PDB file of all heavy atoms in Angstrom:
ATOM      1  N   THR A   1       0.837  -1.196   0.000  1.00  0.00           N
ATOM      2  CA  THR A   1       0.000   0.000   0.000  1.00  0.00           C
ATOM      3  C   THR A   1       0.877   1.253   0.000  1.00  0.00           C
ATOM      4  O   THR A   1       0.593   2.219  -0.717  1.00  0.00           O
ATOM      5  CB  THR A   1      -0.940   0.006   1.220  1.00  0.00           C
ATOM      6  OG1 THR A   1      -1.735  -1.176   1.186  1.00  0.00           O
ATOM      7  CG2 THR A   1      -1.825   1.225   1.230  1.00  0.00           C
ATOM      8  N   PHE A   2       1.937   1.230   0.813  1.00  0.00           N
ATOM      9  CA  PHE A   2       2.852   2.372   0.845  1.00  0.00           C
ATOM     10  C   PHE A   2       3.398   2.662  -0.545  1.00  0.00           C
ATOM     11  O   PHE A   2       3.386   3.809  -1.005  1.00  0.00           O
ATOM     12  CB  PHE A   2       4.014   2.121   1.820  1.00  0.00           C
ATOM     13  CG  PHE A   2       5.148   3.095   1.637  1.00  0.00           C
ATOM     14  CD1 PHE A   2       5.037   4.396   2.096  1.00  0.00           C
ATOM     15  CD2 PHE A   2       6.307   2.724   0.967  1.00  0.00           C
ATOM     16  CE1 PHE A   2       6.070   5.308   1.906  1.00  0.00           C
ATOM     17  CE2 PHE A   2       7.344   3.625   0.766  1.00  0.00           C
ATOM     18  CZ  PHE A   2       7.225   4.914   1.241  1.00  0.00           C
ATOM     19  N   TRP A   3       3.892   1.630  -1.226  1.00  0.00           N
ATOM     20  CA  TRP A   3       4.473   1.828  -2.554  1.00  0.00           C
ATOM     21  C   TRP A   3       3.428   2.299  -3.559  1.00  0.00           C
ATOM     22  O   TRP A   3       3.717   3.111  -4.431  1.00  0.00           O
ATOM     23  CB  TRP A   3       5.190   0.560  -3.029  1.00  0.00           C
ATOM     24  CG  TRP A   3       6.486   0.371  -2.308  1.00  0.00           C
ATOM     25  CD1 TRP A   3       6.748  -0.510  -1.294  1.00  0.00           C
ATOM     26  CD2 TRP A   3       7.704   1.098  -2.514  1.00  0.00           C
ATOM     27  NE1 TRP A   3       8.043  -0.367  -0.868  1.00  0.00           N
ATOM     28  CE2 TRP A   3       8.663   0.608  -1.597  1.00  0.00           C
ATOM     29  CE3 TRP A   3       8.078   2.114  -3.375  1.00  0.00           C
ATOM     30  CZ2 TRP A   3       9.955   1.106  -1.529  1.00  0.00           C
ATOM     31  CZ3 TRP A   3       9.375   2.599  -3.310  1.00  0.00           C
ATOM     32  CH2 TRP A   3      10.298   2.096  -2.403  1.00  0.00           C
ATOM     33  N   SER A   4       2.206   1.800  -3.442  1.00  0.00           N
ATOM     34  CA  SER A   4       1.132   2.253  -4.342  1.00  0.00           C
ATOM     35  C   SER A   4       0.818   3.729  -4.111  1.00  0.00           C
ATOM     36  O   SER A   4       0.672   4.505  -5.064  1.00  0.00           O
ATOM     37  CB  SER A   4      -0.127   1.426  -4.119  1.00  0.00           C
ATOM     38  OG  SER A   4       0.092   0.089  -4.454  1.00  0.00           O
ATOM     39  N   LEU A   5       0.702   4.108  -2.841  1.00  0.00           N
ATOM     40  CA  LEU A   5       0.429   5.511  -2.520  1.00  0.00           C
ATOM     41  C   LEU A   5       1.582   6.419  -2.943  1.00  0.00           C
ATOM     42  O   LEU A   5       1.364   7.534  -3.419  1.00  0.00           O
ATOM     43  CB  LEU A   5       0.158   5.669  -1.021  1.00  0.00           C
ATOM     44  CG  LEU A   5      -1.147   5.066  -0.508  1.00  0.00           C
ATOM     45  CD1 LEU A   5      -1.201   5.124   1.009  1.00  0.00           C
ATOM     46  CD2 LEU A   5      -2.338   5.765  -1.122  1.00  0.00           C
ATOM     47  N   LEU A   6       2.803   5.939  -2.784  1.00  0.00           N
ATOM     48  CA  LEU A   6       3.962   6.716  -3.210  1.00  0.00           C
ATOM     49  C   LEU A   6       3.945   6.916  -4.728  1.00  0.00           C
ATOM     50  O   LEU A   6       4.202   8.026  -5.221  1.00  0.00           O
ATOM     51  CB  LEU A   6       5.262   6.041  -2.773  1.00  0.00           C
ATOM     52  CG  LEU A   6       6.556   6.777  -3.144  1.00  0.00           C
ATOM     53  CD1 LEU A   6       6.598   8.161  -2.506  1.00  0.00           C
ATOM     54  CD2 LEU A   6       7.767   5.953  -2.726  1.00  0.00           C
ATOM     55  N   GLY A   7       3.600   5.874  -5.463  1.00  0.00           N
ATOM     56  CA  GLY A   7       3.475   5.994  -6.908  1.00  0.00           C
ATOM     57  C   GLY A   7       2.425   7.025  -7.294  1.00  0.00           C
ATOM     58  O   GLY A   7       2.634   7.836  -8.204  1.00  0.00           O
ATOM     59  N   GLY A   8       1.300   7.011  -6.604  1.00  0.00           N
ATOM     60  CA  GLY A   8       0.252   8.004  -6.852  1.00  0.00           C
ATOM     61  C   GLY A   8       0.712   9.417  -6.535  1.00  0.00           C
ATOM     62  O   GLY A   8       0.406  10.363  -7.270  1.00  0.00           O
ATOM     63  N   THR A   9       1.475   9.552  -5.470  1.00  0.00           N
ATOM     64  CA  THR A   9       2.006  10.858  -5.097  1.00  0.00           C
ATOM     65  C   THR A   9       2.975  11.371  -6.155  1.00  0.00           C
ATOM     66  O   THR A   9       2.968  12.559  -6.503  1.00  0.00           O
ATOM     67  CB  THR A   9       2.696  10.783  -3.718  1.00  0.00           C
ATOM     68  OG1 THR A   9       1.754  10.286  -2.757  1.00  0.00           O
ATOM     69  CG2 THR A   9       3.199  12.135  -3.272  1.00  0.00           C
ATOM     70  N   ILE A  10       3.795  10.478  -6.688  1.00  0.00           N
ATOM     71  CA  ILE A  10       4.726  10.857  -7.752  1.00  0.00           C
ATOM     72  C   ILE A  10       3.949  11.318  -8.989  1.00  0.00           C
ATOM     73  O   ILE A  10       4.309  12.318  -9.630  1.00  0.00           O
ATOM     74  CB  ILE A  10       5.684   9.690  -8.085  1.00  0.00           C
ATOM     75  CG1 ILE A  10       6.611   9.417  -6.902  1.00  0.00           C
ATOM     76  CG2 ILE A  10       6.473   9.972  -9.357  1.00  0.00           C
ATOM     77  CD1 ILE A  10       7.392   8.119  -7.008  1.00  0.00           C
ATOM     78  N   LEU A  11       2.873  10.613  -9.326  1.00  0.00           N
ATOM     79  CA  LEU A  11       2.046  11.011 -10.475  1.00  0.00           C
ATOM     80  C   LEU A  11       1.404  12.381 -10.251  1.00  0.00           C
ATOM     81  O   LEU A  11       1.352  13.213 -11.173  1.00  0.00           O
ATOM     82  CB  LEU A  11       0.977   9.961 -10.754  1.00  0.00           C
ATOM     83  CG  LEU A  11       1.478   8.639 -11.324  1.00  0.00           C
ATOM     84  CD1 LEU A  11       0.326   7.638 -11.435  1.00  0.00           C
ATOM     85  CD2 LEU A  11       2.137   8.847 -12.677  1.00  0.00           C
ATOM     86  N   ILE A  12       0.919  12.617  -9.040  1.00  0.00           N
ATOM     87  CA  ILE A  12       0.315  13.920  -8.719  1.00  0.00           C
ATOM     88  C   ILE A  12       1.359  15.027  -8.831  1.00  0.00           C
ATOM     89  O   ILE A  12       1.098  16.084  -9.411  1.00  0.00           O
ATOM     90  CB  ILE A  12      -0.319  13.894  -7.308  1.00  0.00           C
ATOM     91  CG1 ILE A  12      -1.563  12.991  -7.313  1.00  0.00           C
ATOM     92  CG2 ILE A  12      -0.658  15.303  -6.827  1.00  0.00           C
ATOM     93  CD1 ILE A  12      -2.112  12.684  -5.936  1.00  0.00           C
ATOM     94  N   ALA A  13       2.549  14.774  -8.299  1.00  0.00           N
ATOM     95  CA  ALA A  13       3.625  15.772  -8.379  1.00  0.00           C
ATOM     96  C   ALA A  13       3.990  16.041  -9.833  1.00  0.00           C
ATOM     97  O   ALA A  13       4.167  17.204 -10.230  1.00  0.00           O
ATOM     98  CB  ALA A  13       4.846  15.303  -7.591  1.00  0.00           C
ATOM     99  N   GLY A  14       4.086  14.991 -10.630  1.00  0.00           N
ATOM    100  CA  GLY A  14       4.407  15.158 -12.045  1.00  0.00           C
ATOM    101  C   GLY A  14       3.356  15.954 -12.782  1.00  0.00           C
ATOM    102  O   GLY A  14       3.677  16.831 -13.594  1.00  0.00           O
ATOM    103  N   ALA A  15       2.087  15.658 -12.505  1.00  0.00           N
ATOM    104  CA  ALA A  15       0.997  16.394 -13.151  1.00  0.00           C
ATOM    105  C   ALA A  15       1.021  17.864 -12.754  1.00  0.00           C
ATOM    106  O   ALA A  15       0.826  18.750 -13.594  1.00  0.00           O
ATOM    107  CB  ALA A  15      -0.343  15.761 -12.785  1.00  0.00           C
ATOM    108  N   LEU A  16       1.289  18.139 -11.491  1.00  0.00           N
ATOM    109  CA  LEU A  16       1.363  19.529 -11.038  1.00  0.00           C
ATOM    110  C   LEU A  16       2.539  20.258 -11.689  1.00  0.00           C
ATOM    111  O   LEU A  16       2.415  21.412 -12.086  1.00  0.00           O
ATOM    112  CB  LEU A  16       1.477  19.595  -9.514  1.00  0.00           C
ATOM    113  CG  LEU A  16       1.539  21.004  -8.922  1.00  0.00           C
ATOM    114  CD1 LEU A  16       0.280  21.787  -9.253  1.00  0.00           C
ATOM    115  CD2 LEU A  16       1.750  20.936  -7.427  1.00  0.00           C
ATOM    116  N   LEU A  17       3.663  19.565 -11.829  1.00  0.00           N
ATOM    117  CA  LEU A  17       4.819  20.186 -12.487  1.00  0.00           C
ATOM    118  C   LEU A  17       4.519  20.502 -13.949  1.00  0.00           C
ATOM    119  O   LEU A  17       4.901  21.566 -14.443  1.00  0.00           O
ATOM    120  CB  LEU A  17       6.048  19.285 -12.368  1.00  0.00           C
ATOM    121  CG  LEU A  17       6.662  19.177 -10.980  1.00  0.00           C
ATOM    122  CD1 LEU A  17       7.792  18.160 -10.974  1.00  0.00           C
ATOM    123  CD2 LEU A  17       7.135  20.526 -10.467  1.00  0.00           C
ATOM    124  N   LEU A  18       3.834  19.583 -14.623  1.00  0.00           N
ATOM    125  CA  LEU A  18       3.449  19.849 -16.012  1.00  0.00           C
ATOM    126  C   LEU A  18       2.502  21.042 -16.106  1.00  0.00           C
ATOM    127  O   LEU A  18       2.626  21.883 -16.997  1.00  0.00           O
ATOM    128  CB  LEU A  18       2.816  18.612 -16.638  1.00  0.00           C
ATOM    129  CG  LEU A  18       3.761  17.447 -16.933  1.00  0.00           C
ATOM    130  CD1 LEU A  18       2.974  16.221 -17.393  1.00  0.00           C
ATOM    131  CD2 LEU A  18       4.792  17.850 -17.973  1.00  0.00           C
ATOM    132  N   LEU A  19       1.560  21.120 -15.179  1.00  0.00           N
ATOM    133  CA  LEU A  19       0.624  22.236 -15.146  1.00  0.00           C
ATOM    134  C   LEU A  19       1.367  23.556 -14.884  1.00  0.00           C
ATOM    135  O   LEU A  19       1.107  24.562 -15.549  1.00  0.00           O
ATOM    136  CB  LEU A  19      -0.446  22.002 -14.073  1.00  0.00           C
ATOM    137  CG  LEU A  19      -1.510  23.082 -13.925  1.00  0.00           C
ATOM    138  CD1 LEU A  19      -2.347  23.169 -15.202  1.00  0.00           C
ATOM    139  CD2 LEU A  19      -2.392  22.785 -12.726  1.00  0.00           C
ATOM    140  N   LEU A  20       2.288  23.537 -13.939  1.00  0.00           N
ATOM    141  CA  LEU A  20       3.077  24.741 -13.654  1.00  0.00           C
ATOM    142  C   LEU A  20       3.925  25.150 -14.859  1.00  0.00           C
ATOM    143  O   LEU A  20       4.116  26.335 -15.117  1.00  0.00           O
ATOM    144  CB  LEU A  20       3.986  24.520 -12.439  1.00  0.00           C
ATOM    145  CG  LEU A  20       3.341  24.624 -11.074  1.00  0.00           C
ATOM    146  CD1 LEU A  20       4.311  24.196  -9.988  1.00  0.00           C
ATOM    147  CD2 LEU A  20       2.835  26.033 -10.823  1.00  0.00           C
ATOM    148  N   ASP A  21       4.418  24.155 -15.594  1.00  0.00           N
ATOM    149  CA  ASP A  21       5.241  24.449 -16.766  1.00  0.00           C
ATOM    150  C   ASP A  21       4.415  25.157 -17.848  1.00  0.00           C
ATOM    151  O   ASP A  21       4.928  26.025 -18.552  1.00  0.00           O
ATOM    152  CB  ASP A  21       5.855  23.162 -17.319  1.00  0.00           C
ATOM    153  CG  ASP A  21       7.006  23.422 -18.260  1.00  0.00           C
ATOM    154  OD1 ASP A  21       7.876  24.247 -17.905  1.00  0.00           O
ATOM    155  OD2 ASP A  21       7.047  22.809 -19.336  1.00  0.00           O
ATOM    156  N   VAL A  22       3.143  24.792 -17.940  1.00  0.00           N
ATOM    157  CA  VAL A  22       2.262  25.430 -18.924  1.00  0.00           C
ATOM    158  C   VAL A  22       1.822  26.813 -18.438  1.00  0.00           C
ATOM    159  O   VAL A  22       1.865  27.786 -19.184  1.00  0.00           O
ATOM    160  CB  VAL A  22       1.019  24.542 -19.193  1.00  0.00           C
ATOM    161  CG1 VAL A  22      -0.021  25.280 -20.001  1.00  0.00           C
ATOM    162  CG2 VAL A  22       1.436  23.258 -19.877  1.00  0.00           C
ATOM    163  N   LEU A  23       1.420  26.906 -17.168  1.00  0.00           N
ATOM    164  CA  LEU A  23       0.901  28.165 -16.633  1.00  0.00           C
ATOM    165  C   LEU A  23       1.991  29.190 -16.348  1.00  0.00           C
ATOM    166  O   LEU A  23       1.745  30.400 -16.404  1.00  0.00           O
ATOM    167  CB  LEU A  23       0.114  27.900 -15.347  1.00  0.00           C
ATOM    168  CG  LEU A  23      -1.138  27.050 -15.484  1.00  0.00           C
ATOM    169  CD1 LEU A  23      -1.764  26.793 -14.127  1.00  0.00           C
ATOM    170  CD2 LEU A  23      -2.137  27.712 -16.429  1.00  0.00           C
ATOM    171  N   LEU A  24       3.180  28.705 -16.004  1.00  0.00           N
ATOM    172  CA  LEU A  24       4.270  29.587 -15.605  1.00  0.00           C
ATOM    173  C   LEU A  24       5.578  29.110 -16.233  1.00  0.00           C
ATOM    174  O   LEU A  24       6.465  28.609 -15.548  1.00  0.00           O
ATOM    175  CB  LEU A  24       4.358  29.564 -14.069  1.00  0.00           C
ATOM    176  CG  LEU A  24       5.039  30.695 -13.346  1.00  0.00           C
ATOM    177  CD1 LEU A  24       4.367  32.027 -13.646  1.00  0.00           C
ATOM    178  CD2 LEU A  24       5.037  30.431 -11.857  1.00  0.00           C
ATOM    179  N   PRO A  25       5.683  29.247 -17.557  1.00  0.00           N
ATOM    180  CA  PRO A  25       6.841  28.668 -18.261  1.00  0.00           C
ATOM    181  C   PRO A  25       8.191  29.198 -17.783  1.00  0.00           C
ATOM    182  O   PRO A  25       9.188  28.483 -17.817  1.00  0.00           O
ATOM    183  CB  PRO A  25       6.605  29.021 -19.727  1.00  0.00           C
ATOM    184  CG  PRO A  25       5.479  29.963 -19.764  1.00  0.00           C
ATOM    185  CD  PRO A  25       4.781  29.937 -18.453  1.00  0.00           C
ATOM    186  N   GLN A  26       8.243  30.438 -17.297  1.00  0.00           N
ATOM    187  CA  GLN A  26       9.507  30.973 -16.832  1.00  0.00           C
ATOM    188  C   GLN A  26       9.983  30.328 -15.528  1.00  0.00           C
ATOM    189  O   GLN A  26      11.135  30.509 -15.140  1.00  0.00           O
ATOM    190  CB  GLN A  26       9.484  32.497 -16.720  1.00  0.00           C
ATOM    191  CG  GLN A  26       8.412  33.145 -15.906  1.00  0.00           C
ATOM    192  CD  GLN A  26       7.070  33.307 -16.591  1.00  0.00           C
ATOM    193  OE1 GLN A  26       6.596  32.424 -17.301  1.00  0.00           O
ATOM    194  NE2 GLN A  26       6.416  34.404 -16.355  1.00  0.00           N
ATOM    195  N   SER A  27       9.139  29.528 -14.878  1.00  0.00           N
ATOM    196  CA  SER A  27       9.541  28.835 -13.648  1.00  0.00           C
ATOM    197  C   SER A  27      10.405  27.614 -13.950  1.00  0.00           C
ATOM    198  O   SER A  27      11.033  27.073 -13.056  1.00  0.00           O
ATOM    199  CB  SER A  27       8.313  28.404 -12.852  1.00  0.00           C
ATOM    200  OG  SER A  27       7.666  27.309 -13.496  1.00  0.00           O
ATOM    201  N   ASP A  28      10.394  27.178 -15.215  1.00  0.00           N
ATOM    202  CA  ASP A  28      11.166  26.002 -15.622  1.00  0.00           C
ATOM    203  C   ASP A  28      10.797  24.802 -14.733  1.00  0.00           C
ATOM    204  O   ASP A  28      11.656  24.111 -14.188  1.00  0.00           O
ATOM    205  CB  ASP A  28      12.664  26.299 -15.549  1.00  0.00           C
ATOM    206  CG  ASP A  28      13.465  25.417 -16.485  1.00  0.00           C
ATOM    207  OD1 ASP A  28      12.853  24.822 -17.393  1.00  0.00           O
ATOM    208  OD2 ASP A  28      14.691  25.311 -16.300  1.00  0.00           O
TER     209      ASP A  28
END
């Protein structure tokens, strides 16, 4: 369960980073 939740957290972080890259491209 820990590893599954960690995988989900990584996906959420990745999605947020992609969103930030689109909304705020100068943030790199």
